[in-house]
Amino acid sequence: MSKSLRNKTLYQDREWLYDRYVKEKLSTVEIAKLYREQENRWCDPNTISRWLKKHGINMRSLAEAQQNRHAIPIPAGMKKARME
């Protein structure tokens, strides 16, 4: 007999996790909170860290994390104006 397959949770999906952590630069705490809001289920930031490692997504250094935390987001319309 084979193992029964469990449904994948959202944070176990590599693409979803990669988009949140790398592209959107959310922290593990923010990703866990987002998951809780979307799925109405508990998730610990350590669980997010564990899945980042399982998927081979490099964790940010402390300096990078602090830089992201204190960065001021620039509205999309302002980015184009700055480039000109």
PDB file of N, CA and C in Angstrom:
ATOM      1  N   MET A   1       0.821  -1.189   0.000  1.00  0.00           N
ATOM      2  CA  MET A   1       0.000   0.000   0.000  1.00  0.00           C
ATOM      3  C   MET A   1       0.866   1.254   0.000  1.00  0.00           C
ATOM      4  N   SER A   2       0.441   2.245  -0.725  1.00  0.00           N
ATOM      5  CA  SER A   2       1.219   3.484  -0.791  1.00  0.00           C
ATOM      6  C   SER A   2       0.756   4.473   0.279  1.00  0.00           C
ATOM      7  N   LYS A   3       1.598   5.443   0.530  1.00  0.00           N
ATOM      8  CA  LYS A   3       1.255   6.492   1.488  1.00  0.00           C
ATOM      9  C   LYS A   3       0.095   7.319   0.956  1.00  0.00           C
ATOM     10  N   SER A   4      -0.733   7.790   1.855  1.00  0.00           N
ATOM     11  CA  SER A   4      -1.791   8.704   1.408  1.00  0.00           C
ATOM     12  C   SER A   4      -1.179  10.085   1.225  1.00  0.00           C
ATOM     13  N   LEU A   5      -1.588  10.772   0.194  1.00  0.00           N
ATOM     14  CA  LEU A   5      -1.048  12.096  -0.093  1.00  0.00           C
ATOM     15  C   LEU A   5      -1.873  13.165   0.601  1.00  0.00           C
ATOM     16  N   ARG A   6      -1.196  14.033   1.308  1.00  0.00           N
ATOM     17  CA  ARG A   6      -1.885  15.164   1.926  1.00  0.00           C
ATOM     18  C   ARG A   6      -1.875  16.320   0.952  1.00  0.00           C
ATOM     19  N   ASN A   7      -2.851  17.185   1.106  1.00  0.00           N
ATOM     20  CA  ASN A   7      -2.877  18.391   0.268  1.00  0.00           C
ATOM     21  C   ASN A   7      -1.737  19.307   0.674  1.00  0.00           C
ATOM     22  N   LYS A   8      -1.123  19.925  -0.319  1.00  0.00           N
ATOM     23  CA  LYS A   8      -0.062  20.901  -0.057  1.00  0.00           C
ATOM     24  C   LYS A   8      -0.678  22.164   0.530  1.00  0.00           C
ATOM     25  N   THR A   9      -0.047  22.699   1.548  1.00  0.00           N
ATOM     26  CA  THR A   9      -0.490  23.989   2.055  1.00  0.00           C
ATOM     27  C   THR A   9       0.165  25.074   1.218  1.00  0.00           C
ATOM     28  N   LEU A  10      -0.379  26.261   1.282  1.00  0.00           N
ATOM     29  CA  LEU A  10       0.091  27.369   0.458  1.00  0.00           C
ATOM     30  C   LEU A  10       1.580  27.643   0.665  1.00  0.00           C
ATOM     31  N   TYR A  11       2.043  27.646   1.930  1.00  0.00           N
ATOM     32  CA  TYR A  11       3.456  27.951   2.184  1.00  0.00           C
ATOM     33  C   TYR A  11       4.390  26.828   1.747  1.00  0.00           C
ATOM     34  N   GLN A  12       3.855  25.659   1.405  1.00  0.00           N
ATOM     35  CA  GLN A  12       4.694  24.579   0.901  1.00  0.00           C
ATOM     36  C   GLN A  12       4.918  24.688  -0.607  1.00  0.00           C
ATOM     37  N   ASP A  13       4.204  25.584  -1.255  1.00  0.00           N
ATOM     38  CA  ASP A  13       4.349  25.808  -2.688  1.00  0.00           C
ATOM     39  C   ASP A  13       5.556  26.710  -2.938  1.00  0.00           C
ATOM     40  N   ARG A  14       6.565  26.196  -3.633  1.00  0.00           N
ATOM     41  CA  ARG A  14       7.813  26.927  -3.829  1.00  0.00           C
ATOM     42  C   ARG A  14       7.592  28.272  -4.527  1.00  0.00           C
ATOM     43  N   GLU A  15       6.790  28.275  -5.575  1.00  0.00           N
ATOM     44  CA  GLU A  15       6.578  29.511  -6.334  1.00  0.00           C
ATOM     45  C   GLU A  15       5.907  30.583  -5.471  1.00  0.00           C
ATOM     46  N   TRP A  16       4.883  30.204  -4.717  1.00  0.00           N
ATOM     47  CA  TRP A  16       4.182  31.155  -3.840  1.00  0.00           C
ATOM     48  C   TRP A  16       5.148  31.716  -2.801  1.00  0.00           C
ATOM     49  N   LEU A  17       5.925  30.831  -2.196  1.00  0.00           N
ATOM     50  CA  LEU A  17       6.872  31.244  -1.168  1.00  0.00           C
ATOM     51  C   LEU A  17       7.971  32.128  -1.755  1.00  0.00           C
ATOM     52  N   TYR A  18       8.496  31.755  -2.919  1.00  0.00           N
ATOM     53  CA  TYR A  18       9.533  32.534  -3.595  1.00  0.00           C
ATOM     54  C   TYR A  18       9.028  33.946  -3.916  1.00  0.00           C
ATOM     55  N   ASP A  19       7.817  34.033  -4.445  1.00  0.00           N
ATOM     56  CA  ASP A  19       7.245  35.337  -4.784  1.00  0.00           C
ATOM     57  C   ASP A  19       7.132  36.228  -3.555  1.00  0.00           C
ATOM     58  N   ARG A  20       6.658  35.671  -2.457  1.00  0.00           N
ATOM     59  CA  ARG A  20       6.474  36.473  -1.235  1.00  0.00           C
ATOM     60  C   ARG A  20       7.819  36.897  -0.639  1.00  0.00           C
ATOM     61  N   TYR A  21       8.766  35.944  -0.539  1.00  0.00           N
ATOM     62  CA  TYR A  21      10.018  36.203   0.163  1.00  0.00           C
ATOM     63  C   TYR A  21      11.041  36.953  -0.684  1.00  0.00           C
ATOM     64  N   VAL A  22      11.205  36.551  -1.919  1.00  0.00           N
ATOM     65  CA  VAL A  22      12.251  37.137  -2.771  1.00  0.00           C
ATOM     66  C   VAL A  22      11.740  38.355  -3.539  1.00  0.00           C
ATOM     67  N   LYS A  23      10.641  38.190  -4.251  1.00  0.00           N
ATOM     68  CA  LYS A  23      10.146  39.284  -5.089  1.00  0.00           C
ATOM     69  C   LYS A  23       9.511  40.404  -4.277  1.00  0.00           C
ATOM     70  N   GLU A  24       8.631  40.038  -3.324  1.00  0.00           N
ATOM     71  CA  GLU A  24       7.947  41.060  -2.530  1.00  0.00           C
ATOM     72  C   GLU A  24       8.748  41.471  -1.291  1.00  0.00           C
ATOM     73  N   LYS A  25       9.815  40.719  -1.005  1.00  0.00           N
ATOM     74  CA  LYS A  25      10.708  40.984   0.128  1.00  0.00           C
ATOM     75  C   LYS A  25       9.980  41.019   1.474  1.00  0.00           C
ATOM     76  N   LEU A  26       8.992  40.124   1.628  1.00  0.00           N
ATOM     77  CA  LEU A  26       8.304  40.012   2.910  1.00  0.00           C
ATOM     78  C   LEU A  26       9.162  39.184   3.860  1.00  0.00           C
ATOM     79  N   SER A  27       9.043  39.455   5.140  1.00  0.00           N
ATOM     80  CA  SER A  27       9.759  38.675   6.140  1.00  0.00           C
ATOM     81  C   SER A  27       9.001  37.380   6.411  1.00  0.00           C
ATOM     82  N   THR A  28       9.630  36.460   7.126  1.00  0.00           N
ATOM     83  CA  THR A  28       8.946  35.217   7.479  1.00  0.00           C
ATOM     84  C   THR A  28       7.741  35.499   8.372  1.00  0.00           C
ATOM     85  N   VAL A  29       7.850  36.501   9.221  1.00  0.00           N
ATOM     86  CA  VAL A  29       6.734  36.892  10.088  1.00  0.00           C
ATOM     87  C   VAL A  29       5.572  37.411   9.238  1.00  0.00           C
ATOM     88  N   GLU A  30       5.875  38.249   8.253  1.00  0.00           N
ATOM     89  CA  GLU A  30       4.839  38.797   7.376  1.00  0.00           C
ATOM     90  C   GLU A  30       4.193  37.704   6.516  1.00  0.00           C
ATOM     91  N   ILE A  31       4.997  36.745   6.053  1.00  0.00           N
ATOM     92  CA  ILE A  31       4.465  35.650   5.239  1.00  0.00           C
ATOM     93  C   ILE A  31       3.542  34.770   6.081  1.00  0.00           C
ATOM     94  N   ALA A  32       3.956  34.470   7.300  1.00  0.00           N
ATOM     95  CA  ALA A  32       3.115  33.664   8.195  1.00  0.00           C
ATOM     96  C   ALA A  32       1.787  34.374   8.460  1.00  0.00           C
ATOM     97  N   LYS A  33       1.844  35.677   8.669  1.00  0.00           N
ATOM     98  CA  LYS A  33       0.626  36.455   8.908  1.00  0.00           C
ATOM     99  C   LYS A  33      -0.273  36.446   7.670  1.00  0.00           C
ATOM    100  N   LEU A  34       0.322  36.621   6.499  1.00  0.00           N
ATOM    101  CA  LEU A  34      -0.426  36.596   5.242  1.00  0.00           C
ATOM    102  C   LEU A  34      -1.117  35.243   5.055  1.00  0.00           C
ATOM    103  N   TYR A  35      -0.374  34.170   5.339  1.00  0.00           N
ATOM    104  CA  TYR A  35      -0.948  32.829   5.236  1.00  0.00           C
ATOM    105  C   TYR A  35      -2.143  32.682   6.183  1.00  0.00           C
ATOM    106  N   ARG A  36      -1.978  33.146   7.414  1.00  0.00           N
ATOM    107  CA  ARG A  36      -3.078  33.053   8.390  1.00  0.00           C
ATOM    108  C   ARG A  36      -4.305  33.810   7.901  1.00  0.00           C
ATOM    109  N   GLU A  37      -4.097  34.982   7.301  1.00  0.00           N
ATOM    110  CA  GLU A  37      -5.214  35.787   6.806  1.00  0.00           C
ATOM    111  C   GLU A  37      -5.893  35.129   5.600  1.00  0.00           C
ATOM    112  N   GLN A  38      -5.094  34.570   4.694  1.00  0.00           N
ATOM    113  CA  GLN A  38      -5.646  33.967   3.479  1.00  0.00           C
ATOM    114  C   GLN A  38      -6.318  32.630   3.738  1.00  0.00           C
ATOM    115  N   GLU A  39      -5.709  31.814   4.581  1.00  0.00           N
ATOM    116  CA  GLU A  39      -6.186  30.447   4.782  1.00  0.00           C
ATOM    117  C   GLU A  39      -6.966  30.255   6.086  1.00  0.00           C
ATOM    118  N   ASN A  40      -6.951  31.263   6.948  1.00  0.00           N
ATOM    119  CA  ASN A  40      -7.619  31.181   8.249  1.00  0.00           C
ATOM    120  C   ASN A  40      -7.120  29.969   9.047  1.00  0.00           C
ATOM    121  N   ARG A  41      -5.819  29.723   8.960  1.00  0.00           N
ATOM    122  CA  ARG A  41      -5.163  28.627   9.683  1.00  0.00           C
ATOM    123  C   ARG A  41      -3.872  29.157  10.283  1.00  0.00           C
ATOM    124  N   TRP A  42      -3.459  28.568  11.388  1.00  0.00           N
ATOM    125  CA  TRP A  42      -2.244  29.000  12.079  1.00  0.00           C
ATOM    126  C   TRP A  42      -0.992  28.630  11.283  1.00  0.00           C
ATOM    127  N   CYS A  43      -0.010  29.509  11.338  1.00  0.00           N
ATOM    128  CA  CYS A  43       1.300  29.249  10.743  1.00  0.00           C
ATOM    129  C   CYS A  43       2.341  30.027  11.532  1.00  0.00           C
ATOM    130  N   ASP A  44       3.412  29.384  11.897  1.00  0.00           N
ATOM    131  CA  ASP A  44       4.491  29.993  12.657  1.00  0.00           C
ATOM    132  C   ASP A  44       5.588  30.462  11.699  1.00  0.00           C
ATOM    133  N   PRO A  45       6.228  31.604  11.974  1.00  0.00           N
ATOM    134  CA  PRO A  45       7.327  32.066  11.107  1.00  0.00           C
ATOM    135  C   PRO A  45       8.458  31.044  10.968  1.00  0.00           C
ATOM    136  N   ASN A  46       8.680  30.226  12.001  1.00  0.00           N
ATOM    137  CA  ASN A  46       9.713  29.184  11.903  1.00  0.00           C
ATOM    138  C   ASN A  46       9.343  28.137  10.853  1.00  0.00           C
ATOM    139  N   THR A  47       8.066  27.896  10.672  1.00  0.00           N
ATOM    140  CA  THR A  47       7.607  26.974   9.636  1.00  0.00           C
ATOM    141  C   THR A  47       7.944  27.535   8.261  1.00  0.00           C
ATOM    142  N   ILE A  48       7.752  28.841   8.101  1.00  0.00           N
ATOM    143  CA  ILE A  48       8.097  29.497   6.837  1.00  0.00           C
ATOM    144  C   ILE A  48       9.597  29.359   6.577  1.00  0.00           C
ATOM    145  N   SER A  49      10.410  29.606   7.587  1.00  0.00           N
ATOM    146  CA  SER A  49      11.871  29.470   7.454  1.00  0.00           C
ATOM    147  C   SER A  49      12.253  28.061   7.041  1.00  0.00           C
ATOM    148  N   ARG A  50      11.625  27.079   7.662  1.00  0.00           N
ATOM    149  CA  ARG A  50      11.924  25.682   7.352  1.00  0.00           C
ATOM    150  C   ARG A  50      11.605  25.365   5.884  1.00  0.00           C
ATOM    151  N   TRP A  51      10.475  25.873   5.387  1.00  0.00           N
ATOM    152  CA  TRP A  51      10.108  25.607   3.993  1.00  0.00           C
ATOM    153  C   TRP A  51      10.984  26.385   3.014  1.00  0.00           C
ATOM    154  N   LEU A  52      11.443  27.562   3.387  1.00  0.00           N
ATOM    155  CA  LEU A  52      12.394  28.286   2.537  1.00  0.00           C
ATOM    156  C   LEU A  52      13.651  27.434   2.352  1.00  0.00           C
ATOM    157  N   LYS A  53      14.136  26.875   3.451  1.00  0.00           N
ATOM    158  CA  LYS A  53      15.331  26.028   3.393  1.00  0.00           C
ATOM    159  C   LYS A  53      15.080  24.777   2.573  1.00  0.00           C
ATOM    160  N   LYS A  54      13.908  24.134   2.766  1.00  0.00           N
ATOM    161  CA  LYS A  54      13.581  22.916   2.011  1.00  0.00           C
ATOM    162  C   LYS A  54      13.552  23.172   0.513  1.00  0.00           C
ATOM    163  N   HIS A  55      13.110  24.365   0.123  1.00  0.00           N
ATOM    164  CA  HIS A  55      13.030  24.712  -1.299  1.00  0.00           C
ATOM    165  C   HIS A  55      14.326  25.308  -1.834  1.00  0.00           C
ATOM    166  N   GLY A  56      15.340  25.440  -0.990  1.00  0.00           N
ATOM    167  CA  GLY A  56      16.623  25.970  -1.434  1.00  0.00           C
ATOM    168  C   GLY A  56      16.610  27.469  -1.684  1.00  0.00           C
ATOM    169  N   ILE A  57      15.689  28.171  -1.032  1.00  0.00           N
ATOM    170  CA  ILE A  57      15.614  29.625  -1.161  1.00  0.00           C
ATOM    171  C   ILE A  57      16.497  30.218  -0.066  1.00  0.00           C
ATOM    172  N   ASN A  58      17.523  30.946  -0.477  1.00  0.00           N
ATOM    173  CA  ASN A  58      18.472  31.492   0.489  1.00  0.00           C
ATOM    174  C   ASN A  58      17.822  32.512   1.410  1.00  0.00           C
ATOM    175  N   MET A  59      18.104  32.363   2.693  1.00  0.00           N
ATOM    176  CA  MET A  59      17.603  33.302   3.694  1.00  0.00           C
ATOM    177  C   MET A  59      18.434  34.584   3.617  1.00  0.00           C
ATOM    178  N   ARG A  60      17.800  35.701   3.897  1.00  0.00           N
ATOM    179  CA  ARG A  60      18.511  36.982   3.909  1.00  0.00           C
ATOM    180  C   ARG A  60      19.417  37.059   5.129  1.00  0.00           C
ATOM    181  N   SER A  61      20.488  37.826   4.985  1.00  0.00           N
ATOM    182  CA  SER A  61      21.355  38.074   6.132  1.00  0.00           C
ATOM    183  C   SER A  61      20.641  39.054   7.061  1.00  0.00           C
ATOM    184  N   LEU A  62      21.124  39.194   8.269  1.00  0.00           N
ATOM    185  CA  LEU A  62      20.539  40.128   9.230  1.00  0.00           C
ATOM    186  C   LEU A  62      20.579  41.554   8.675  1.00  0.00           C
ATOM    187  N   ALA A  63      21.681  41.919   8.020  1.00  0.00           N
ATOM    188  CA  ALA A  63      21.806  43.265   7.447  1.00  0.00           C
ATOM    189  C   ALA A  63      20.755  43.501   6.360  1.00  0.00           C
ATOM    190  N   GLU A  64      20.558  42.515   5.494  1.00  0.00           N
ATOM    191  CA  GLU A  64      19.542  42.647   4.439  1.00  0.00           C
ATOM    192  C   GLU A  64      18.143  42.750   5.035  1.00  0.00           C
ATOM    193  N   ALA A  65      17.866  41.942   6.045  1.00  0.00           N
ATOM    194  CA  ALA A  65      16.549  41.961   6.687  1.00  0.00           C
ATOM    195  C   ALA A  65      16.282  43.318   7.324  1.00  0.00           C
ATOM    196  N   GLN A  66      17.280  43.873   7.982  1.00  0.00           N
ATOM    197  CA  GLN A  66      17.118  45.183   8.612  1.00  0.00           C
ATOM    198  C   GLN A  66      16.942  46.275   7.564  1.00  0.00           C
ATOM    199  N   GLN A  67      17.664  46.165   6.461  1.00  0.00           N
ATOM    200  CA  GLN A  67      17.551  47.145   5.384  1.00  0.00           C
ATOM    201  C   GLN A  67      16.137  47.115   4.798  1.00  0.00           C
ATOM    202  N   ASN A  68      15.591  45.927   4.582  1.00  0.00           N
ATOM    203  CA  ASN A  68      14.221  45.791   4.064  1.00  0.00           C
ATOM    204  C   ASN A  68      13.202  46.338   5.050  1.00  0.00           C
ATOM    205  N   ARG A  69      13.429  46.112   6.325  1.00  0.00           N
ATOM    206  CA  ARG A  69      12.490  46.539   7.346  1.00  0.00           C
ATOM    207  C   ARG A  69      12.382  48.057   7.395  1.00  0.00           C
ATOM    208  N   HIS A  70      13.492  48.744   7.133  1.00  0.00           N
ATOM    209  CA  HIS A  70      13.505  50.197   7.245  1.00  0.00           C
ATOM    210  C   HIS A  70      13.362  50.907   5.898  1.00  0.00           C
ATOM    211  N   ALA A  71      13.225  50.155   4.840  1.00  0.00           N
ATOM    212  CA  ALA A  71      13.068  50.762   3.508  1.00  0.00           C
ATOM    213  C   ALA A  71      11.687  51.395   3.382  1.00  0.00           C
ATOM    214  N   ILE A  72      11.640  52.520   2.713  1.00  0.00           N
ATOM    215  CA  ILE A  72      10.370  53.207   2.465  1.00  0.00           C
ATOM    216  C   ILE A  72       9.922  52.834   1.059  1.00  0.00           C
ATOM    217  N   PRO A  73       8.755  52.179   0.939  1.00  0.00           N
ATOM    218  CA  PRO A  73       8.299  51.793  -0.406  1.00  0.00           C
ATOM    219  C   PRO A  73       7.996  53.013  -1.273  1.00  0.00           C
ATOM    220  N   ILE A  74       8.425  52.943  -2.529  1.00  0.00           N
ATOM    221  CA  ILE A  74       8.192  54.029  -3.483  1.00  0.00           C
ATOM    222  C   ILE A  74       6.994  53.641  -4.344  1.00  0.00           C
ATOM    223  N   PRO A  75       5.965  54.473  -4.397  1.00  0.00           N
ATOM    224  CA  PRO A  75       4.797  54.157  -5.240  1.00  0.00           C
ATOM    225  C   PRO A  75       5.209  53.958  -6.690  1.00  0.00           C
ATOM    226  N   ALA A  76       4.502  53.065  -7.386  1.00  0.00           N
ATOM    227  CA  ALA A  76       4.844  52.698  -8.765  1.00  0.00           C
ATOM    228  C   ALA A  76       4.973  53.910  -9.688  1.00  0.00           C
ATOM    229  N   GLY A  77       4.085  54.884  -9.592  1.00  0.00           N
ATOM    230  CA  GLY A  77       4.138  56.080 -10.433  1.00  0.00           C
ATOM    231  C   GLY A  77       5.389  56.905 -10.194  1.00  0.00           C
ATOM    232  N   MET A  78       5.886  56.892  -8.979  1.00  0.00           N
ATOM    233  CA  MET A  78       7.084  57.672  -8.622  1.00  0.00           C
ATOM    234  C   MET A  78       8.342  57.029  -9.190  1.00  0.00           C
ATOM    235  N   LYS A  79       8.375  55.705  -9.328  1.00  0.00           N
ATOM    236  CA  LYS A  79       9.562  55.011  -9.851  1.00  0.00           C
ATOM    237  C   LYS A  79       9.864  55.473 -11.265  1.00  0.00           C
ATOM    238  N   LYS A  80       8.843  55.588 -12.103  1.00  0.00           N
ATOM    239  CA  LYS A  80       9.053  56.003 -13.488  1.00  0.00           C
ATOM    240  C   LYS A  80       9.536  57.453 -13.556  1.00  0.00           C
ATOM    241  N   ALA A  81       8.982  58.323 -12.716  1.00  0.00           N
ATOM    242  CA  ALA A  81       9.367  59.728 -12.715  1.00  0.00           C
ATOM    243  C   ALA A  81      10.827  59.884 -12.315  1.00  0.00           C
ATOM    244  N   ARG A  82      11.304  59.064 -11.393  1.00  0.00           N
ATOM    245  CA  ARG A  82      12.707  59.150 -10.947  1.00  0.00           C
ATOM    246  C   ARG A  82      13.676  58.725 -12.046  1.00  0.00           C
ATOM    247  N   MET A  83      13.256  57.794 -12.896  1.00  0.00           N
ATOM    248  CA  MET A  83      14.139  57.274 -13.947  1.00  0.00           C
ATOM    249  C   MET A  83      14.338  58.284 -15.056  1.00  0.00           C
ATOM    250  N   GLU A  84      13.406  59.192 -15.254  1.00  0.00           N
ATOM    251  CA  GLU A  84      13.496  60.142 -16.374  1.00  0.00           C
ATOM    252  C   GLU A  84      14.449  61.258 -16.123  1.00  0.00           C
TER     253      GLU A  84
END
